[in-house]
Amino acid sequence: LVESDAKAVRVLRDNVAALGLTGVEVIPRSVTAALAAAAPEPFDLVFADPPYALPAAELAALLAGAGERGWFAPETVVVVERATRDPAFPWPPGMVADRDRRYGEATLWYARVGPDFR
């Protein structure tokens, strides 16, 4: 979990501890800074909830760069939250769109890391 807000980081860490979750890491940095670095390990699930004002093309480029730096395991499920009013999310080449689900003002876009991604 990557989060830049200190209060949210504390809540995330408390929730992880309260649930007794293992294999969950809270990274207290901006997503841009976190994804610019090499991954501590590949992840099986990535949920991205960026500010809606972040252009979709910029987010797609961040995801592509994250793949180059080892953030995704084979078959990683990637979920991106965007405003429902936005057009379809432009997945980077090699990420295979799966489905989308609308929840009022938010839409979750799902994809898998395909074999041609990197």
N, C-alpha and C. Protein backbone atom coordinates (compact mmCIF):
# COMPACT_ATOMS: atom_id res chain seq x y z
N LEU A 1 0.85 -1.17 0.00
CA LEU A 1 0.00 0.00 0.00
C LEU A 1 0.89 1.23 0.00
N VAL A 2 0.72 2.09 -0.98
CA VAL A 2 1.51 3.32 -1.08
C VAL A 2 0.58 4.48 -0.75
N GLU A 3 0.99 5.28 0.22
CA GLU A 3 0.17 6.41 0.66
C GLU A 3 1.09 7.52 1.14
N SER A 4 0.79 8.75 0.73
CA SER A 4 1.64 9.88 1.11
C SER A 4 1.12 10.63 2.34
N ASP A 5 -0.15 10.51 2.66
CA ASP A 5 -0.72 11.23 3.79
C ASP A 5 -0.39 10.50 5.10
N ALA A 6 0.27 11.20 6.04
CA ALA A 6 0.74 10.57 7.28
C ALA A 6 -0.41 9.97 8.10
N LYS A 7 -1.53 10.67 8.17
CA LYS A 7 -2.67 10.16 8.94
C LYS A 7 -3.21 8.88 8.30
N ALA A 8 -3.32 8.87 6.98
CA ALA A 8 -3.80 7.68 6.28
C ALA A 8 -2.83 6.51 6.44
N VAL A 9 -1.52 6.81 6.46
CA VAL A 9 -0.52 5.76 6.67
C VAL A 9 -0.73 5.10 8.03
N ARG A 10 -0.96 5.90 9.06
CA ARG A 10 -1.21 5.34 10.40
C ARG A 10 -2.45 4.45 10.40
N VAL A 11 -3.52 4.92 9.75
CA VAL A 11 -4.75 4.14 9.68
C VAL A 11 -4.51 2.82 8.94
N LEU A 12 -3.80 2.89 7.82
CA LEU A 12 -3.50 1.67 7.07
C LEU A 12 -2.70 0.69 7.91
N ARG A 13 -1.66 1.17 8.57
CA ARG A 13 -0.84 0.28 9.41
C ARG A 13 -1.66 -0.32 10.55
N ASP A 14 -2.50 0.50 11.18
CA ASP A 14 -3.36 -0.01 12.25
C ASP A 14 -4.31 -1.08 11.73
N ASN A 15 -4.89 -0.86 10.55
CA ASN A 15 -5.81 -1.84 9.97
C ASN A 15 -5.11 -3.14 9.61
N VAL A 16 -3.92 -3.04 9.04
CA VAL A 16 -3.15 -4.23 8.70
C VAL A 16 -2.85 -5.03 9.97
N ALA A 17 -2.44 -4.33 11.02
CA ALA A 17 -2.14 -5.01 12.29
C ALA A 17 -3.40 -5.62 12.91
N ALA A 18 -4.50 -4.86 12.92
CA ALA A 18 -5.74 -5.34 13.53
C ALA A 18 -6.28 -6.58 12.82
N LEU A 19 -6.08 -6.64 11.51
CA LEU A 19 -6.55 -7.78 10.74
C LEU A 19 -5.56 -8.94 10.75
N GLY A 20 -4.37 -8.70 11.28
CA GLY A 20 -3.36 -9.75 11.31
C GLY A 20 -2.87 -10.16 9.93
N LEU A 21 -2.87 -9.21 9.01
CA LEU A 21 -2.47 -9.52 7.64
C LEU A 21 -0.96 -9.69 7.53
N THR A 22 -0.56 -10.68 6.77
CA THR A 22 0.86 -10.86 6.48
C THR A 22 1.06 -10.59 4.99
N GLY A 23 2.26 -10.22 4.63
CA GLY A 23 2.55 -9.96 3.23
C GLY A 23 2.02 -8.63 2.74
N VAL A 24 1.62 -7.76 3.66
CA VAL A 24 1.12 -6.43 3.29
C VAL A 24 2.14 -5.41 3.76
N GLU A 25 2.55 -4.55 2.85
CA GLU A 25 3.52 -3.51 3.19
C GLU A 25 2.90 -2.15 2.96
N VAL A 26 3.07 -1.24 3.90
CA VAL A 26 2.61 0.14 3.76
C VAL A 26 3.85 0.98 3.45
N ILE A 27 3.84 1.62 2.29
CA ILE A 27 4.97 2.44 1.84
C ILE A 27 4.57 3.90 1.96
N PRO A 28 5.17 4.64 2.91
CA PRO A 28 4.76 6.04 3.15
C PRO A 28 5.46 7.02 2.22
N ARG A 29 5.03 7.04 0.96
CA ARG A 29 5.61 7.93 -0.05
C ARG A 29 4.53 8.27 -1.07
N SER A 30 4.81 9.25 -1.89
CA SER A 30 3.90 9.51 -3.01
C SER A 30 4.02 8.34 -3.98
N VAL A 31 2.95 8.08 -4.70
CA VAL A 31 2.99 6.97 -5.65
C VAL A 31 4.05 7.22 -6.73
N THR A 32 4.21 8.47 -7.13
CA THR A 32 5.22 8.78 -8.15
C THR A 32 6.61 8.44 -7.64
N ALA A 33 6.92 8.84 -6.41
CA ALA A 33 8.24 8.54 -5.84
C ALA A 33 8.41 7.04 -5.61
N ALA A 34 7.39 6.38 -5.12
CA ALA A 34 7.49 4.95 -4.85
C ALA A 34 7.73 4.16 -6.13
N LEU A 35 6.96 4.46 -7.16
CA LEU A 35 7.08 3.69 -8.41
C LEU A 35 8.32 4.05 -9.21
N ALA A 36 8.95 5.16 -8.89
CA ALA A 36 10.20 5.53 -9.58
C ALA A 36 11.37 4.69 -9.08
N ALA A 37 11.21 4.06 -7.92
CA ALA A 37 12.27 3.22 -7.35
C ALA A 37 12.04 1.76 -7.73
N ALA A 38 13.08 0.97 -7.60
CA ALA A 38 12.94 -0.47 -7.82
C ALA A 38 11.99 -1.04 -6.76
N ALA A 39 11.22 -2.02 -7.15
CA ALA A 39 10.27 -2.63 -6.22
C ALA A 39 11.01 -3.44 -5.16
N PRO A 40 10.49 -3.42 -3.92
CA PRO A 40 11.08 -4.28 -2.90
C PRO A 40 10.87 -5.75 -3.23
N GLU A 41 9.80 -6.03 -3.95
CA GLU A 41 9.47 -7.37 -4.44
C GLU A 41 8.30 -7.20 -5.41
N PRO A 42 8.03 -8.19 -6.28
CA PRO A 42 6.86 -8.08 -7.16
C PRO A 42 5.57 -8.31 -6.36
N PHE A 43 4.53 -7.60 -6.73
CA PHE A 43 3.25 -7.71 -6.03
C PHE A 43 2.23 -8.42 -6.91
N ASP A 44 1.32 -9.16 -6.27
CA ASP A 44 0.28 -9.91 -6.97
C ASP A 44 -0.98 -9.09 -7.22
N LEU A 45 -1.19 -8.07 -6.38
CA LEU A 45 -2.38 -7.22 -6.50
C LEU A 45 -1.95 -5.78 -6.32
N VAL A 46 -2.36 -4.93 -7.25
CA VAL A 46 -2.06 -3.50 -7.18
C VAL A 46 -3.38 -2.76 -7.33
N PHE A 47 -3.69 -1.91 -6.35
CA PHE A 47 -4.88 -1.07 -6.41
C PHE A 47 -4.41 0.37 -6.44
N ALA A 48 -4.73 1.08 -7.51
CA ALA A 48 -4.30 2.47 -7.67
C ALA A 48 -5.51 3.39 -7.54
N ASP A 49 -5.43 4.31 -6.60
CA ASP A 49 -6.49 5.28 -6.36
C ASP A 49 -5.87 6.68 -6.42
N PRO A 50 -5.43 7.07 -7.62
CA PRO A 50 -4.76 8.37 -7.74
C PRO A 50 -5.77 9.51 -7.73
N PRO A 51 -5.29 10.73 -7.55
CA PRO A 51 -6.20 11.87 -7.68
C PRO A 51 -6.86 11.84 -9.06
N TYR A 52 -8.16 12.12 -9.10
CA TYR A 52 -8.86 12.09 -10.38
C TYR A 52 -8.27 13.09 -11.38
N ALA A 53 -7.63 14.14 -10.89
CA ALA A 53 -7.05 15.15 -11.78
C ALA A 53 -5.81 14.63 -12.51
N LEU A 54 -5.21 13.54 -12.04
CA LEU A 54 -4.03 12.98 -12.71
C LEU A 54 -4.46 12.47 -14.08
N PRO A 55 -3.86 12.98 -15.16
CA PRO A 55 -4.26 12.52 -16.49
C PRO A 55 -4.08 11.00 -16.65
N ALA A 56 -5.03 10.36 -17.31
CA ALA A 56 -4.99 8.91 -17.49
C ALA A 56 -3.71 8.47 -18.19
N ALA A 57 -3.25 9.23 -19.17
CA ALA A 57 -2.02 8.86 -19.89
C ALA A 57 -0.81 8.88 -18.95
N GLU A 58 -0.80 9.83 -18.01
CA GLU A 58 0.31 9.89 -17.04
C GLU A 58 0.27 8.69 -16.10
N LEU A 59 -0.92 8.31 -15.67
CA LEU A 59 -1.05 7.14 -14.81
C LEU A 59 -0.64 5.87 -15.57
N ALA A 60 -1.05 5.75 -16.83
CA ALA A 60 -0.65 4.59 -17.63
C ALA A 60 0.87 4.53 -17.77
N ALA A 61 1.51 5.68 -17.95
CA ALA A 61 2.97 5.72 -18.04
C ALA A 61 3.61 5.31 -16.71
N LEU A 62 3.02 5.73 -15.58
CA LEU A 62 3.52 5.31 -14.27
C LEU A 62 3.44 3.80 -14.12
N LEU A 63 2.33 3.21 -14.55
CA LEU A 63 2.17 1.76 -14.46
C LEU A 63 3.18 1.04 -15.35
N ALA A 64 3.39 1.56 -16.55
CA ALA A 64 4.38 0.95 -17.45
C ALA A 64 5.76 1.00 -16.82
N GLY A 65 6.13 2.14 -16.25
CA GLY A 65 7.43 2.27 -15.59
C GLY A 65 7.55 1.37 -14.39
N ALA A 66 6.45 1.20 -13.65
CA ALA A 66 6.47 0.30 -12.49
C ALA A 66 6.77 -1.13 -12.93
N GLY A 67 6.21 -1.51 -14.06
CA GLY A 67 6.49 -2.84 -14.59
C GLY A 67 7.96 -3.02 -14.93
N GLU A 68 8.55 -1.98 -15.49
CA GLU A 68 9.98 -2.04 -15.84
C GLU A 68 10.85 -2.14 -14.59
N ARG A 69 10.36 -1.66 -13.47
CA ARG A 69 11.15 -1.67 -12.23
C ARG A 69 10.75 -2.81 -11.29
N GLY A 70 10.03 -3.81 -11.83
CA GLY A 70 9.78 -5.04 -11.09
C GLY A 70 8.65 -5.02 -10.07
N TRP A 71 7.69 -4.11 -10.21
CA TRP A 71 6.60 -4.03 -9.24
C TRP A 71 5.54 -5.12 -9.42
N PHE A 72 5.46 -5.72 -10.62
CA PHE A 72 4.38 -6.66 -10.90
C PHE A 72 4.91 -8.08 -11.07
N ALA A 73 4.23 -9.02 -10.41
CA ALA A 73 4.49 -10.44 -10.62
C ALA A 73 3.76 -10.86 -11.90
N PRO A 74 4.08 -12.03 -12.45
CA PRO A 74 3.29 -12.51 -13.59
C PRO A 74 1.82 -12.65 -13.16
N GLU A 75 0.93 -12.24 -14.02
CA GLU A 75 -0.51 -12.33 -13.77
C GLU A 75 -1.01 -11.40 -12.67
N THR A 76 -0.25 -10.38 -12.31
CA THR A 76 -0.71 -9.42 -11.30
C THR A 76 -2.05 -8.84 -11.73
N VAL A 77 -2.96 -8.71 -10.78
CA VAL A 77 -4.23 -8.02 -11.01
C VAL A 77 -4.00 -6.56 -10.63
N VAL A 78 -4.34 -5.66 -11.56
CA VAL A 78 -4.19 -4.23 -11.34
C VAL A 78 -5.59 -3.61 -11.39
N VAL A 79 -5.91 -2.84 -10.36
CA VAL A 79 -7.21 -2.17 -10.27
C VAL A 79 -6.94 -0.67 -10.18
N VAL A 80 -7.56 0.09 -11.06
CA VAL A 80 -7.39 1.54 -11.08
C VAL A 80 -8.74 2.20 -10.86
N GLU A 81 -8.79 3.11 -9.89
CA GLU A 81 -10.01 3.87 -9.65
C GLU A 81 -9.92 5.20 -10.39
N ARG A 82 -10.96 5.51 -11.14
CA ARG A 82 -11.04 6.77 -11.88
C ARG A 82 -12.46 7.32 -11.74
N ALA A 83 -12.64 8.57 -12.09
CA ALA A 83 -13.98 9.16 -12.07
C ALA A 83 -14.83 8.49 -13.14
N THR A 84 -16.08 8.22 -12.81
CA THR A 84 -16.99 7.59 -13.76
C THR A 84 -17.15 8.43 -15.02
N ARG A 85 -17.06 9.73 -14.90
CA ARG A 85 -17.23 10.61 -16.07
C ARG A 85 -16.06 10.52 -17.05
N ASP A 86 -14.91 9.95 -16.61
CA ASP A 86 -13.74 9.82 -17.49
C ASP A 86 -13.96 8.73 -18.53
N PRO A 87 -13.27 8.82 -19.67
CA PRO A 87 -13.37 7.75 -20.67
C PRO A 87 -12.66 6.48 -20.17
N ALA A 88 -12.76 5.42 -20.94
CA ALA A 88 -12.12 4.15 -20.59
C ALA A 88 -10.64 4.36 -20.30
N PHE A 89 -10.14 3.61 -19.33
CA PHE A 89 -8.74 3.76 -18.93
C PHE A 89 -7.83 3.14 -19.99
N PRO A 90 -6.79 3.87 -20.43
CA PRO A 90 -5.88 3.36 -21.47
C PRO A 90 -4.74 2.53 -20.86
N TRP A 91 -4.94 1.23 -20.70
CA TRP A 91 -3.91 0.38 -20.12
C TRP A 91 -2.65 0.40 -20.96
N PRO A 92 -1.48 0.32 -20.32
CA PRO A 92 -0.24 0.26 -21.09
C PRO A 92 -0.17 -1.05 -21.88
N PRO A 93 0.61 -1.07 -22.96
CA PRO A 93 0.75 -2.30 -23.74
C PRO A 93 1.20 -3.46 -22.85
N GLY A 94 0.55 -4.60 -23.04
CA GLY A 94 0.90 -5.79 -22.26
C GLY A 94 0.02 -6.01 -21.05
N MET A 95 -0.75 -4.98 -20.65
CA MET A 95 -1.75 -5.17 -19.60
C MET A 95 -3.07 -5.47 -20.29
N VAL A 96 -3.71 -6.54 -19.86
CA VAL A 96 -4.92 -7.01 -20.53
C VAL A 96 -6.14 -6.56 -19.74
N ALA A 97 -6.93 -5.69 -20.35
CA ALA A 97 -8.15 -5.20 -19.70
C ALA A 97 -9.07 -6.37 -19.40
N ASP A 98 -9.68 -6.35 -18.22
CA ASP A 98 -10.56 -7.43 -17.80
C ASP A 98 -12.00 -6.96 -17.72
N ARG A 99 -12.26 -5.96 -16.87
CA ARG A 99 -13.63 -5.48 -16.70
C ARG A 99 -13.60 -4.12 -16.00
N ASP A 100 -14.76 -3.52 -15.89
CA ASP A 100 -14.90 -2.30 -15.10
C ASP A 100 -16.19 -2.39 -14.31
N ARG A 101 -16.19 -1.73 -13.16
CA ARG A 101 -17.36 -1.70 -12.29
C ARG A 101 -17.58 -0.26 -11.84
N ARG A 102 -18.81 0.21 -12.01
CA ARG A 102 -19.14 1.59 -11.63
C ARG A 102 -19.82 1.62 -10.27
N TYR A 103 -19.38 2.57 -9.46
CA TYR A 103 -19.94 2.78 -8.13
C TYR A 103 -20.18 4.27 -7.97
N GLY A 104 -21.30 4.75 -8.48
CA GLY A 104 -21.61 6.18 -8.41
C GLY A 104 -20.58 7.00 -9.18
N GLU A 105 -19.88 7.87 -8.48
CA GLU A 105 -18.90 8.76 -9.10
C GLU A 105 -17.57 8.08 -9.41
N ALA A 106 -17.38 6.84 -8.94
CA ALA A 106 -16.11 6.13 -9.15
C ALA A 106 -16.32 4.90 -10.02
N THR A 107 -15.34 4.62 -10.86
CA THR A 107 -15.31 3.39 -11.64
C THR A 107 -13.99 2.69 -11.36
N LEU A 108 -14.07 1.39 -11.12
CA LEU A 108 -12.87 0.57 -10.94
C LEU A 108 -12.61 -0.17 -12.25
N TRP A 109 -11.40 0.01 -12.77
CA TRP A 109 -10.96 -0.65 -14.00
C TRP A 109 -10.00 -1.76 -13.62
N TYR A 110 -10.24 -2.97 -14.11
CA TYR A 110 -9.44 -4.14 -13.77
C TYR A 110 -8.65 -4.62 -14.99
N ALA A 111 -7.41 -5.03 -14.75
CA ALA A 111 -6.59 -5.63 -15.80
C ALA A 111 -5.65 -6.65 -15.17
N ARG A 112 -5.07 -7.47 -16.01
CA ARG A 112 -4.03 -8.41 -15.59
C ARG A 112 -2.76 -8.09 -16.36
N VAL A 113 -1.65 -8.34 -15.70
CA VAL A 113 -0.37 -8.21 -16.38
C VAL A 113 -0.24 -9.43 -17.28
N GLY A 114 -0.14 -9.18 -18.58
CA GLY A 114 -0.03 -10.27 -19.54
C GLY A 114 1.41 -10.69 -19.76
N PRO A 115 1.61 -11.77 -20.50
CA PRO A 115 2.96 -12.28 -20.73
C PRO A 115 3.84 -11.34 -21.55
N ASP A 116 3.24 -10.43 -22.29
CA ASP A 116 4.01 -9.50 -23.13
C ASP A 116 4.33 -8.19 -22.43
N PHE A 117 3.93 -8.06 -21.17
CA PHE A 117 4.18 -6.82 -20.44
C PHE A 117 5.60 -6.78 -19.92
N ARG A 118 6.28 -5.66 -20.09
CA ARG A 118 7.61 -5.35 -19.54
C ARG A 118 8.27 -4.37 -20.44
